[in-house]
Every structure is written in structure tokens, then in C-alpha cells.
């Protein structure tokens, strides 16, 4: 009897484990970077490639880092949300153009509009690796001290902006940051 009981218990445990995993939102992958200082950038800017952007450039107020590419279909879906966010808030949106061609990125912005305060270029994907990027689009909300407080895997929606980002930004203000 014991010979069949142990495998049955293991099997039931595995079923419960996998059933729990299937209930979770795949975009809610916990990031080891939450509540840690954002990694360095140190890469050229898209529009002024002779100038670089650094983590220190992001300090002093909250900022949204949005990882995107002109070849990314989901980025196109997210773009209207970013344009609205830029119009309706004072939140700086820093683009991180990921593994893209400069000309294609500039053309994409010319066609669709540019919600970004500035755009860093991650031509080889190294910055993305340091930031823990799984793919594009992804977004990171930084507090005024440059600490990552939220990560969104996949396109931002206005619901996420209203329910996640805006309350966090307001909490920075109440904390004196």
C-alpha cells in the first residue's frame, strides 16, 4: 500500500504546483531588481549619438524606462499609451531602443510620434541584460533616487498606468522623494 501512496502524494503535489502556476499572470514575473538601484546605462542617445545617457541623468524625479524596438509588434500596441502618458503627466519617459537600427527607430518615431524625454540606444543588448530584460516591450518605474519600484513585462496598458504607476508615483511624493 505504501508503495502506491508515496507516488500518488508526489503526483498530487505536482498537479497542485502546476495548477497554481497556470493561474498566474505571465507578465507578473518577479524581478530581482525591484527595490534595487537601477543599473548603469552609459550608452549613446538616439537623436544625439555623440552624447551618452547615464543612470545619474535619471535622478531627482520619478522616471519610466521603456524598452522598445521598431521591429516589435507589441511596442506598436503600447505606443498610444506612452503618447497619452506623455501628454497627461509630467513623468519623464526614457526610451531604451533595444537591438534596433538607428534609422528604423528614428523613422518609427517620425511616423508614430515621440513620447520620450530622451532615448538611449542599446544596440547590442548589453544594457538589456544588465537590466534583466526578457524581451520588448518592458518598462521600469524608477523612484527619484533611481531605485526600480515596478517592472512591467509586455505592453503597458492604461489600466496598469492608473492602477500601478500613478499610485506608486504619488507614494514617492508623500515619502518626500
Protein backbone atom coordinates (compact mmCIF):
# COMPACT_ATOMS: atom_id res chain seq x y z
CA UNK A 1 0.00 0.00 0.00
CA UNK A 2 2.81 2.45 0.93
CA UNK A 3 4.41 1.66 -2.41
CA UNK A 4 1.48 3.40 -4.20
CA UNK A 5 0.79 6.12 -1.64
CA UNK A 6 4.10 7.99 -1.95
CA UNK A 7 3.94 8.33 -5.78
CA UNK A 8 0.30 9.38 -5.50
CA UNK A 9 1.18 12.11 -2.97
CA UNK A 10 4.05 13.32 -5.17
CA UNK A 11 1.75 13.33 -8.21
CA UNK A 12 -0.95 15.33 -6.40
CA UNK A 13 1.67 17.79 -5.17
CA UNK A 14 2.96 18.34 -8.71
CA UNK A 15 -0.58 18.81 -10.06
CA UNK A 16 -1.27 21.45 -7.40
CA UNK A 17 2.06 23.18 -8.07
CA UNK A 18 1.44 23.39 -11.83
CA UNK A 19 -2.22 24.35 -11.39
CA UNK A 20 -1.11 27.28 -9.23
CA UNK A 21 1.41 28.33 -11.88
CA UNK A 22 -1.23 28.28 -14.61
CA UNK A 23 -3.38 30.68 -12.57
CA UNK A 24 -0.68 33.38 -12.52
CA UNK A 25 -0.25 36.23 -14.98
CA UNK A 26 2.92 35.57 -17.02
CA UNK A 27 3.60 39.32 -17.16
CA UNK A 28 3.94 39.39 -13.38
CA UNK A 29 7.36 37.74 -13.25
CA UNK A 30 9.02 38.84 -10.01
CA UNK A 31 12.15 40.81 -10.74
CA UNK A 32 15.24 40.61 -8.56
CA UNK A 33 15.80 44.29 -9.46
CA UNK A 34 12.74 45.58 -7.58
CA UNK A 35 13.84 47.84 -4.70
CA UNK A 36 17.41 47.89 -6.01
CA UNK A 37 19.24 50.78 -7.68
CA UNK A 38 18.80 50.78 -11.44
CA UNK A 39 21.83 49.50 -13.35
CA UNK A 40 24.01 51.92 -15.28
CA UNK A 41 23.18 52.95 -18.81
CA UNK A 42 26.30 54.58 -20.31
CA UNK A 43 25.10 54.32 -23.92
CA UNK A 44 24.58 56.84 -26.73
CA UNK A 45 21.38 58.80 -27.19
CA UNK A 46 19.33 58.01 -30.28
CA UNK A 47 18.95 61.56 -31.59
CA UNK A 48 22.39 62.79 -30.49
CA UNK A 49 24.67 59.74 -30.75
CA UNK A 50 27.72 61.78 -29.74
CA UNK A 51 26.14 62.19 -26.26
CA UNK A 52 25.63 59.39 -23.76
CA UNK A 53 22.97 58.92 -21.11
CA UNK A 54 23.83 57.67 -17.63
CA UNK A 55 21.88 56.49 -14.59
CA UNK A 56 22.80 59.73 -12.84
CA UNK A 57 20.83 61.63 -15.53
CA UNK A 58 17.66 59.96 -14.22
CA UNK A 59 17.97 61.01 -10.58
CA UNK A 60 15.84 63.63 -8.85
CA UNK A 61 12.36 62.68 -10.02
CA UNK A 62 10.46 59.53 -10.94
CA UNK A 63 11.10 58.21 -14.44
CA UNK A 64 9.73 55.45 -16.62
CA UNK A 65 12.29 53.45 -18.60
CA UNK A 66 10.56 51.88 -21.61
CA UNK A 67 12.43 49.20 -23.57
CA UNK A 68 11.22 49.16 -27.18
CA UNK A 69 12.22 48.47 -30.79
CA UNK A 70 10.86 49.43 -34.21
CA UNK A 71 10.60 45.73 -35.14
CA UNK A 72 8.43 44.96 -32.09
CA UNK A 73 4.71 44.48 -32.85
CA UNK A 74 3.69 44.72 -29.18
CA UNK A 75 5.60 48.01 -28.90
CA UNK A 76 3.32 49.48 -31.55
CA UNK A 77 0.28 48.41 -29.50
CA UNK A 78 1.78 50.06 -26.40
CA UNK A 79 2.79 53.27 -28.16
CA UNK A 80 -0.59 55.04 -27.82
CA UNK A 81 -0.45 54.50 -24.06
CA UNK A 82 3.02 56.08 -23.93
CA UNK A 83 1.87 59.06 -26.02
CA UNK A 84 -1.09 59.58 -23.69
CA UNK A 85 1.12 59.21 -20.62
CA UNK A 86 3.49 61.85 -22.01
CA UNK A 87 0.57 64.22 -22.74
CA UNK A 88 -1.27 63.77 -19.44
CA UNK A 89 1.55 63.55 -16.89
CA UNK A 90 4.90 65.12 -16.08
CA UNK A 91 6.53 61.71 -15.83
CA UNK A 92 9.73 61.59 -17.90
CA UNK A 93 9.66 58.59 -20.23
CA UNK A 94 13.14 57.40 -21.13
CA UNK A 95 13.24 55.09 -24.12
CA UNK A 96 15.75 52.27 -24.33
CA UNK A 97 15.88 51.34 -28.02
CA UNK A 98 16.77 47.66 -27.95
CA UNK A 99 18.77 45.84 -30.66
CA UNK A 100 17.45 48.14 -33.36
CA UNK A 101 18.82 50.07 -36.31
CA UNK A 102 19.08 53.80 -35.66
CA UNK A 103 17.41 54.78 -38.94
CA UNK A 104 14.50 52.39 -38.37
CA UNK A 105 13.96 53.72 -34.84
CA UNK A 106 14.01 57.35 -35.98
CA UNK A 107 11.57 56.59 -38.81
CA UNK A 108 9.26 54.73 -36.41
CA UNK A 109 9.16 57.75 -34.10
CA UNK A 110 8.60 60.14 -37.02
CA UNK A 111 5.61 58.05 -38.16
CA UNK A 112 4.02 57.28 -34.78
CA UNK A 113 5.06 60.20 -32.58
CA UNK A 114 7.70 60.51 -29.90
CA UNK A 115 6.59 60.22 -26.26
CA UNK A 116 10.15 60.02 -24.94
CA UNK A 117 12.06 62.66 -22.99
CA UNK A 118 15.22 61.06 -24.33
CA UNK A 119 16.16 57.73 -25.84
CA UNK A 120 19.17 55.55 -25.04
CA UNK A 121 20.45 53.11 -27.64
CA UNK A 122 21.16 49.51 -26.63
CA UNK A 123 22.44 48.31 -30.00
CA UNK A 124 23.95 45.04 -28.79
CA UNK A 125 21.51 44.25 -25.96
CA UNK A 126 24.12 44.50 -23.19
CA UNK A 127 22.19 47.13 -21.20
CA UNK A 128 19.07 44.99 -21.51
CA UNK A 129 20.95 42.07 -19.99
CA UNK A 130 22.13 44.24 -17.08
CA UNK A 131 18.55 45.44 -16.52
CA UNK A 132 17.12 41.90 -16.65
CA UNK A 133 15.10 42.48 -19.82
CA UNK A 134 13.27 39.37 -21.04
CA UNK A 135 12.11 40.95 -24.30
CA UNK A 136 10.39 44.02 -25.65
CA UNK A 137 8.41 45.87 -24.59
CA UNK A 138 9.24 46.14 -20.92
CA UNK A 139 9.03 49.12 -18.60
CA UNK A 140 10.66 50.03 -15.30
CA UNK A 141 9.42 52.73 -12.93
CA UNK A 142 12.24 54.42 -11.03
CA UNK A 143 11.76 56.49 -7.90
CA UNK A 144 13.59 59.85 -7.59
CA UNK A 145 16.65 58.08 -6.11
CA UNK A 146 16.94 55.82 -9.17
CA UNK A 147 15.61 52.71 -7.44
CA UNK A 148 13.44 50.35 -9.50
CA UNK A 149 10.00 50.19 -7.89
CA UNK A 150 7.96 48.47 -10.61
CA UNK A 151 8.58 46.34 -13.69
CA UNK A 152 6.07 45.63 -16.44
CA UNK A 153 6.78 42.78 -18.82
CA UNK A 154 4.85 43.24 -22.04
CA UNK A 155 2.93 46.29 -23.22
CA UNK A 156 1.76 48.91 -20.77
CA UNK A 157 -1.98 49.48 -20.73
CA UNK A 158 -3.81 52.50 -19.41
CA UNK A 159 -5.23 50.26 -16.67
CA UNK A 160 -1.67 49.47 -15.49
CA UNK A 161 -0.83 53.19 -15.61
CA UNK A 162 -3.85 54.06 -13.46
CA UNK A 163 -3.71 51.13 -11.04
CA UNK A 164 0.05 50.62 -10.65
CA UNK A 165 2.20 53.53 -11.88
CA UNK A 166 0.22 56.57 -10.73
CA UNK A 167 -0.30 55.27 -7.15
CA UNK A 168 3.44 54.48 -6.91
CA UNK A 169 4.38 57.93 -8.20
CA UNK A 170 2.02 59.51 -5.69
CA UNK A 171 3.61 57.43 -2.92
CA UNK A 172 7.02 58.87 -3.88
CA UNK A 173 5.60 62.37 -3.37
CA UNK A 174 4.19 61.52 0.06
CA UNK A 175 7.52 59.99 1.07
CA UNK A 176 9.24 63.25 0.28
CA UNK A 177 11.01 61.83 -2.76
